[in-house]
Amino acid sequence: MKLVRFNEGPKTVAGLVSGEEVQVYENIGQDPFGEYISQRNPDKSLFADFLKSLIEDRKPRIYKLEWVKDRFIIPMVPGEVWAAGVTYKRSVEAREDETKAKGIYDRVYAAERPEVLFKGLGYRTVGPNDVICIRSDSKWDVPEPEFTLVYGERKIVGYTIGNDVSSRDIEGANPLYLPQAKVWQNSCSIGPYLVTGDEVKNPKSVGIKLRIHRGREVVFSGETNTSNMKREYEELSKYLFRDNPVPRGSIMLTGVGIVPPDTFTLQDGDLVEISMDGLGTMRNFVRKL
């Protein structure tokens, strides 16, 4: 099932995407995922089963997907946002190129322990059709399209698209600046759908595409597949939760396999478009702070 949220006049509603339709059920509430994780034991039942129980024997209002997609908002507000790094060989190459501390990313790529870093809290995260920001003190900024895990209580219950916006020049100057290269206002976006775990048949074979528009021109495009990842999702999750009380409803961005060339940087007014098989397309305009 594919959960979306959008604005219907002055209120927020949630719906389920089916083909080219969005089905809105009166009793599904404004934040069904929030209701799911607020249960005493949310992982006792799958998120898909929870949604089915809400809509059983109910008749929905039907909208055409084309009519409401430009009103989609963040499908759920994450408790915490975490990210895994150097999970693709392309990411290793890019970060080795940008840094003055050579060799550290190759070592992480080959190590037993993955790179897991804190990206922020829910209030720093925006949804589709919202604005992502680039830092005022950075000159080399890129989007990072990442297949994203959604957790119930220490268990993967769904997936979404994530954009881990990053300042490459800040991290490249010194790896100790990594938090500043990752965390600031509107530095992460997720959406448009929260897809239940049963909907994605093979999460290790999901096509990912990135297109960056500047005016009427596509200034960068690239694609990869989650099959190119070195790390397993359960492996990343194990290290995330080890000795770490991550709250329910948190997410993990699993790494980037598409990196624009070193000559490219995001600019104010760009449109970033990320598509993933079965997870839809997320669009965000760029604003320089």
Protein backbone atom coordinates (compact mmCIF):
# COMPACT_ATOMS: atom_id res chain seq x y z
CA MET A 1 0.00 0.00 0.00
CA LYS A 2 1.14 3.54 -0.74
CA LEU A 3 0.21 6.14 1.83
CA VAL A 4 0.16 9.83 0.91
CA ARG A 5 -0.89 12.99 2.69
CA PHE A 6 -2.03 16.19 1.01
CA ASN A 7 -3.83 19.43 1.69
CA GLU A 8 -7.56 19.46 1.05
CA GLY A 9 -8.53 23.07 1.57
CA PRO A 10 -7.53 24.10 5.12
CA LYS A 11 -7.04 20.54 6.40
CA THR A 12 -4.59 17.70 5.87
CA VAL A 13 -5.94 14.35 4.72
CA ALA A 14 -4.33 10.96 4.15
CA GLY A 15 -5.06 8.65 1.26
CA LEU A 16 -3.95 5.48 -0.45
CA VAL A 17 -2.64 5.47 -4.00
CA SER A 18 -4.08 2.84 -6.32
CA GLY A 19 -3.06 3.13 -9.95
CA GLU A 20 -3.90 6.65 -11.09
CA GLU A 21 -6.26 7.28 -8.16
CA VAL A 22 -5.94 8.49 -4.58
CA GLN A 23 -8.52 6.95 -2.24
CA VAL A 24 -9.40 9.02 0.83
CA TYR A 25 -11.18 7.29 3.73
CA GLU A 26 -12.89 9.40 6.39
CA ASN A 27 -11.68 7.30 9.34
CA ILE A 28 -8.05 6.98 8.26
CA GLY A 29 -7.13 10.22 10.04
CA GLN A 30 -4.58 12.90 9.20
CA ASP A 31 -1.58 10.86 10.33
CA PRO A 32 -2.19 7.11 10.14
CA PHE A 33 1.50 6.25 10.54
CA GLY A 34 1.60 8.31 13.73
CA GLU A 35 -1.39 6.34 14.99
CA TYR A 36 0.33 3.08 14.07
CA ILE A 37 3.55 3.78 15.99
CA SER A 38 1.60 5.08 19.01
CA GLN A 39 0.20 1.58 19.62
CA ARG A 40 1.54 -0.33 22.59
CA ASN A 41 3.30 -2.81 20.32
CA PRO A 42 3.24 -1.45 16.76
CA ASP A 43 5.39 -4.19 15.22
CA LYS A 44 3.00 -6.90 16.39
CA SER A 45 1.10 -6.28 13.14
CA LEU A 46 2.48 -5.01 9.84
CA PHE A 47 1.78 -1.41 8.91
CA ALA A 48 -0.08 -2.71 5.84
CA ASP A 49 -2.39 -4.76 8.07
CA PHE A 50 -3.01 -1.72 10.27
CA LEU A 51 -4.08 0.32 7.23
CA LYS A 52 -6.32 -2.48 5.99
CA SER A 53 -8.07 -2.58 9.36
CA LEU A 54 -8.85 1.14 9.08
CA ILE A 55 -10.40 0.95 5.61
CA GLU A 56 -12.16 -2.39 5.82
CA ASP A 57 -15.74 -2.15 4.50
CA ARG A 58 -15.35 1.62 4.03
CA LYS A 59 -16.11 3.55 0.87
CA PRO A 60 -13.53 6.15 -0.15
CA ARG A 61 -13.68 9.48 -1.92
CA ILE A 62 -11.73 9.20 -5.16
CA TYR A 63 -9.33 11.79 -6.55
CA LYS A 64 -7.32 11.57 -9.72
CA LEU A 65 -3.64 11.29 -8.85
CA GLU A 66 -2.82 13.97 -11.40
CA TRP A 67 -5.12 16.44 -9.63
CA VAL A 68 -3.59 16.14 -6.17
CA LYS A 69 0.10 15.21 -6.67
CA ASP A 70 1.16 18.87 -6.57
CA ARG A 71 -0.44 19.13 -3.10
CA PHE A 72 1.37 16.16 -1.57
CA ILE A 73 3.15 16.87 1.71
CA ILE A 74 5.47 14.81 3.87
CA PRO A 75 3.85 11.36 4.30
CA MET A 76 5.03 11.03 7.91
CA VAL A 77 7.11 13.18 10.25
CA PRO A 78 10.10 11.06 11.33
CA GLY A 79 11.16 10.88 14.95
CA GLU A 80 14.82 10.92 13.96
CA VAL A 81 16.63 10.87 10.63
CA TRP A 82 19.75 8.75 10.28
CA ALA A 83 21.93 8.13 7.25
CA ALA A 84 24.41 5.49 6.15
CA GLY A 85 27.46 6.51 4.15
CA VAL A 86 29.83 4.94 1.61
CA THR A 87 27.47 2.05 0.89
CA TYR A 88 28.01 2.43 -2.88
CA LYS A 89 31.41 2.37 -4.58
CA ARG A 90 30.49 5.58 -6.43
CA SER A 91 30.10 7.34 -3.08
CA VAL A 92 33.55 6.17 -2.01
CA GLU A 93 35.10 7.56 -5.20
CA ALA A 94 33.34 10.92 -4.87
CA ARG A 95 34.22 11.43 -1.22
CA GLU A 96 37.84 10.40 -1.79
CA ASP A 97 38.03 12.96 -4.62
CA GLU A 98 36.65 15.78 -2.49
CA THR A 99 38.65 15.21 0.70
CA LYS A 100 42.17 16.11 1.75
CA ALA A 101 42.22 13.09 4.11
CA LYS A 102 42.79 10.35 1.56
CA GLY A 103 42.01 6.71 2.25
CA ILE A 104 39.48 7.02 5.05
CA TYR A 105 36.43 6.28 2.89
CA ASP A 106 38.01 3.25 1.25
CA ARG A 107 38.70 1.87 4.71
CA VAL A 108 35.10 2.41 5.82
CA TYR A 109 33.77 0.78 2.64
CA ALA A 110 35.83 -2.33 3.37
CA ALA A 111 35.32 -2.35 7.15
CA GLU A 112 32.89 -4.50 9.10
CA ARG A 113 31.37 -1.44 10.78
CA PRO A 114 29.41 0.86 8.40
CA GLU A 115 29.27 4.64 8.59
CA VAL A 116 26.04 5.61 10.37
CA LEU A 117 25.42 9.26 11.10
CA PHE A 118 22.72 11.44 12.60
CA LYS A 119 21.02 13.65 10.01
CA GLY A 120 18.48 15.46 12.15
CA LEU A 121 15.00 15.48 13.66
CA GLY A 122 11.63 15.54 11.98
CA TYR A 123 11.31 19.31 12.04
CA ARG A 124 14.35 19.61 9.75
CA THR A 125 12.72 17.29 7.20
CA VAL A 126 10.36 18.42 4.45
CA GLY A 127 8.17 16.60 1.98
CA PRO A 128 7.49 16.71 -1.74
CA ASN A 129 6.63 20.07 -3.31
CA ASP A 130 8.45 21.81 -0.45
CA VAL A 131 11.74 23.70 -0.57
CA ILE A 132 15.09 22.10 0.21
CA CYS A 133 17.86 24.49 1.22
CA ILE A 134 21.58 24.83 0.60
CA ARG A 135 23.89 26.52 3.07
CA SER A 136 24.83 30.17 2.78
CA ASP A 137 28.48 29.34 3.55
CA SER A 138 28.90 26.53 1.03
CA LYS A 139 29.84 26.69 -2.66
CA TRP A 140 29.54 22.99 -3.60
CA ASP A 141 26.15 21.43 -2.82
CA VAL A 142 24.49 18.31 -4.18
CA PRO A 143 21.30 16.29 -3.69
CA GLU A 144 21.74 12.69 -2.65
CA PRO A 145 18.84 10.41 -3.73
CA GLU A 146 18.63 7.54 -1.26
CA PHE A 147 16.37 4.55 -0.75
CA THR A 148 15.02 5.12 2.75
CA LEU A 149 13.99 2.66 5.46
CA VAL A 150 11.06 3.49 7.74
CA TYR A 151 11.05 1.91 11.21
CA GLY A 152 8.34 0.97 13.63
CA GLU A 153 9.92 -0.19 16.85
CA ARG A 154 13.42 -1.31 15.78
CA LYS A 155 11.98 -3.01 12.71
CA ILE A 156 11.62 -1.99 9.05
CA VAL A 157 7.92 -1.46 8.29
CA GLY A 158 8.06 0.62 5.11
CA TYR A 159 10.08 2.55 2.56
CA THR A 160 10.19 6.01 1.03
CA ILE A 161 12.39 8.23 -1.14
CA GLY A 162 14.96 10.35 0.68
CA ASN A 163 17.15 13.28 -0.34
CA ASP A 164 20.19 13.76 1.89
CA VAL A 165 21.26 17.24 0.72
CA SER A 166 24.99 17.67 1.37
CA SER A 167 27.70 20.34 1.22
CA ARG A 168 30.65 18.61 -0.38
CA ASP A 169 33.15 21.42 0.06
CA ILE A 170 32.58 21.61 3.82
CA GLU A 171 33.10 17.88 4.34
CA GLY A 172 35.98 17.90 1.86
CA ALA A 173 37.82 20.58 3.81
CA ASN A 174 37.94 18.31 6.85
CA PRO A 175 35.94 15.13 7.68
CA LEU A 176 35.40 16.52 11.19
CA TYR A 177 33.10 19.10 9.59
CA LEU A 178 30.71 16.32 8.50
CA PRO A 179 27.84 17.38 10.84
CA GLN A 180 27.90 20.88 9.31
CA ALA A 181 27.99 19.33 5.84
CA LYS A 182 24.81 17.37 6.60
CA VAL A 183 22.60 19.20 9.11
CA TRP A 184 20.87 22.54 8.62
CA GLN A 185 17.44 23.95 7.81
CA ASN A 186 15.49 21.86 5.24
CA SER A 187 18.53 19.68 4.51
CA CYS A 188 16.45 16.53 4.02
CA SER A 189 13.28 15.66 2.13
CA ILE A 190 11.23 12.46 2.00
CA GLY A 191 8.17 11.28 0.07
CA PRO A 192 5.91 11.37 -1.79
CA TYR A 193 4.71 7.96 -0.59
CA LEU A 194 5.22 5.90 2.52
CA VAL A 195 5.17 2.44 0.96
CA THR A 196 4.39 -0.56 3.15
CA GLY A 197 6.95 -3.34 3.36
CA ASP A 198 4.83 -5.86 1.45
CA GLU A 199 4.49 -3.50 -1.52
CA VAL A 200 8.19 -3.59 -2.50
CA LYS A 201 8.88 -7.15 -3.61
CA ASN A 202 12.66 -6.80 -3.82
CA PRO A 203 14.05 -3.74 -1.99
CA LYS A 204 17.58 -4.73 -3.07
CA SER A 205 16.67 -4.21 -6.72
CA VAL A 206 15.06 -0.77 -6.93
CA GLY A 207 15.93 1.57 -9.79
CA ILE A 208 16.81 5.14 -8.77
CA LYS A 209 16.84 8.15 -11.09
CA LEU A 210 17.87 11.74 -10.47
CA ARG A 211 17.15 14.75 -12.68
CA ILE A 212 18.08 18.35 -11.86
CA HIS A 213 16.28 21.09 -13.78
CA ARG A 214 17.54 24.65 -14.14
CA GLY A 215 14.88 26.66 -15.89
CA ARG A 216 13.87 24.62 -18.93
CA GLU A 217 17.15 22.70 -19.09
CA VAL A 218 18.08 19.40 -17.45
CA VAL A 219 21.57 20.16 -16.13
CA PHE A 220 22.22 16.73 -14.65
CA SER A 221 20.69 13.27 -14.81
CA GLY A 222 21.87 9.94 -13.51
CA GLU A 223 20.63 6.57 -12.37
CA THR A 224 21.62 3.59 -10.26
CA ASN A 225 20.04 0.59 -8.55
CA THR A 226 19.97 -0.52 -4.93
CA SER A 227 21.54 -3.79 -6.12
CA ASN A 228 24.81 -1.82 -6.32
CA MET A 229 24.85 -1.34 -2.54
CA LYS A 230 27.50 -3.23 -0.60
CA ARG A 231 25.65 -3.23 2.73
CA GLU A 232 22.46 -5.10 3.65
CA TYR A 233 19.56 -3.20 5.21
CA GLU A 234 19.47 -5.47 8.25
CA GLU A 235 23.21 -4.91 8.71
CA LEU A 236 22.75 -1.13 8.71
CA SER A 237 19.79 -1.44 11.07
CA LYS A 238 21.77 -3.61 13.48
CA TYR A 239 24.45 -0.94 13.87
CA LEU A 240 21.87 1.85 14.11
CA PHE A 241 20.05 0.23 17.03
CA ARG A 242 23.10 -1.08 18.87
CA ASP A 243 23.11 0.63 22.30
CA ASN A 244 21.03 3.40 20.71
CA PRO A 245 17.41 4.13 21.80
CA VAL A 246 16.10 5.31 18.42
CA PRO A 247 12.44 6.39 18.73
CA ARG A 248 9.62 4.75 16.83
CA GLY A 249 8.89 6.25 13.44
CA SER A 250 12.51 7.07 12.64
CA ILE A 251 14.07 6.62 9.21
CA MET A 252 17.43 5.72 7.69
CA LEU A 253 18.74 6.95 4.35
CA THR A 254 20.82 4.06 3.03
CA GLY A 255 23.48 5.80 0.94
CA VAL A 256 23.95 7.42 -2.44
CA GLY A 257 24.98 5.85 -5.74
CA ILE A 258 24.43 8.89 -7.98
CA VAL A 259 26.93 11.73 -7.64
CA PRO A 260 27.07 14.71 -10.03
CA PRO A 261 30.50 15.67 -11.40
CA ASP A 262 32.83 17.83 -9.33
CA THR A 263 32.05 20.81 -11.56
CA PHE A 264 28.36 20.74 -10.59
CA THR A 265 26.67 22.49 -7.69
CA LEU A 266 23.03 23.18 -6.89
CA GLN A 267 21.81 26.73 -7.42
CA ASP A 268 18.95 28.76 -6.02
CA GLY A 269 15.82 27.96 -8.04
CA ASP A 270 16.87 24.51 -9.26
CA LEU A 271 14.27 21.73 -9.28
CA VAL A 272 15.43 18.33 -7.99
CA GLU A 273 13.44 15.32 -9.18
CA ILE A 274 14.05 11.86 -7.70
CA SER A 275 12.22 8.76 -8.94
CA MET A 276 12.36 5.20 -7.59
CA ASP A 277 10.66 2.06 -8.84
CA GLY A 278 7.39 1.63 -6.96
CA LEU A 279 8.02 4.65 -4.71
CA GLY A 280 6.94 7.45 -7.05
CA THR A 281 8.66 10.74 -7.86
CA MET A 282 9.60 13.45 -5.38
CA ARG A 283 10.17 17.04 -6.54
CA ASN A 284 11.71 19.86 -4.52
CA PHE A 285 12.80 23.35 -5.46
CA VAL A 286 16.12 24.62 -4.10
CA ARG A 287 16.62 27.77 -2.05
CA LYS A 288 19.99 29.15 -0.94
CA LEU A 289 19.90 30.34 2.65
